[in-house]
Protein backbone atom coordinates (compact mmCIF):
# COMPACT_ATOMS: atom_id res chain seq x y z
CA UNK A 1 -41.97 -4.87 -3.37
CA UNK A 2 -38.99 -7.07 -2.41
CA UNK A 3 -38.81 -8.90 -5.72
CA UNK A 4 -35.73 -7.00 -6.86
CA UNK A 5 -33.75 -8.41 -3.92
CA UNK A 6 -34.52 -11.97 -4.93
CA UNK A 7 -32.76 -11.48 -8.23
CA UNK A 8 -29.30 -13.08 -8.05
CA UNK A 9 -27.76 -10.33 -10.16
CA UNK A 10 -28.80 -7.67 -7.64
CA UNK A 11 -27.28 -9.69 -4.79
CA UNK A 12 -24.06 -9.98 -6.75
CA UNK A 13 -23.96 -6.22 -7.34
CA UNK A 14 -24.46 -5.55 -3.63
CA UNK A 15 -21.72 -8.05 -2.73
CA UNK A 16 -19.37 -6.48 -5.26
CA UNK A 17 -20.07 -3.02 -3.86
CA UNK A 18 -19.43 -4.20 -0.31
CA UNK A 19 -16.15 -5.77 -1.46
CA UNK A 20 -15.04 -2.63 -3.29
CA UNK A 21 -15.43 -0.34 -0.25
CA UNK A 22 -12.57 -1.87 1.81
CA UNK A 23 -10.47 -2.39 -1.30
CA UNK A 24 -10.83 1.29 -2.15
CA UNK A 25 -9.90 2.24 1.42
CA UNK A 26 -6.78 0.07 1.37
CA UNK A 27 -5.57 1.21 -2.05
CA UNK A 28 -6.39 4.83 -1.25
CA UNK A 29 -4.35 4.82 1.97
CA UNK A 30 -1.43 2.75 0.67
CA UNK A 31 0.26 5.64 -1.21
CA UNK A 32 -0.05 7.81 1.90
CA UNK A 33 1.67 5.13 4.00
CA UNK A 34 4.42 4.68 1.40
CA UNK A 35 4.98 8.44 1.17
CA UNK A 36 5.19 8.77 4.94
CA UNK A 37 7.61 5.92 5.39
CA UNK A 38 9.80 6.94 2.47
CA UNK A 39 9.80 10.51 3.78
CA UNK A 40 11.24 9.26 7.06
CA UNK A 41 13.87 7.26 5.19
CA UNK A 42 14.86 10.29 3.10
CA UNK A 43 15.06 12.42 6.25
CA UNK A 44 17.41 9.84 7.76
CA UNK A 45 19.61 9.97 4.67
CA UNK A 46 19.64 13.77 4.67
CA UNK A 47 20.88 13.83 8.25
CA UNK A 48 23.98 11.98 7.08
CA UNK A 49 26.63 14.58 6.16
CA UNK A 50 27.63 12.73 2.98
CA UNK A 51 24.11 13.00 1.57
CA UNK A 52 23.46 16.63 2.54
CA UNK A 53 24.93 18.07 -0.65
CA UNK A 54 23.02 15.62 -2.82
CA UNK A 55 19.85 16.33 -0.85
CA UNK A 56 20.12 20.04 -1.56
CA UNK A 57 20.53 19.36 -5.28
CA UNK A 58 17.61 16.97 -5.19
CA UNK A 59 15.38 19.56 -3.51
CA UNK A 60 16.36 22.20 -6.05
CA UNK A 61 15.73 19.79 -8.93
CA UNK A 62 12.37 18.71 -7.52
CA UNK A 63 11.39 22.36 -7.07
CA UNK A 64 12.33 23.10 -10.68
CA UNK A 65 10.29 20.14 -11.95
CA UNK A 66 7.25 21.17 -9.88
CA UNK A 67 7.59 24.76 -11.07
CA UNK A 68 7.86 23.66 -14.71
CA UNK A 69 4.80 21.42 -14.37
CA UNK A 70 2.88 24.25 -12.73
CA UNK A 71 3.77 26.61 -15.57
CA UNK A 72 2.79 23.97 -18.12
CA UNK A 73 -0.63 23.40 -16.56
CA UNK A 74 -1.24 27.14 -16.30
CA UNK A 75 -0.21 27.92 -19.89
CA UNK A 76 -1.54 24.75 -21.59
CA UNK A 77 -5.28 25.57 -21.33
CA UNK A 78 -4.61 28.93 -22.99
CA UNK A 79 -3.57 27.29 -26.25
CA UNK A 80 -6.16 25.01 -27.85
CA UNK A 81 -4.88 21.86 -29.53
């Protein structure tokens, strides 16, 4: 009944799985941390009066890119390749 555990390959698979769980957690949360910290840095730049005009253009450009991507992903499935 416990013979499968005595196999070295099974132990290695369990150890690999245990290792992958914290690695997944770290790499999954890292982009969230980077986005949060860079968001605070961008907010600090936008509060500076010199960067306010550029910030408005950046927001408009980002909105246009997001809108174009949204339209692409809505229209693209309608036309088979």
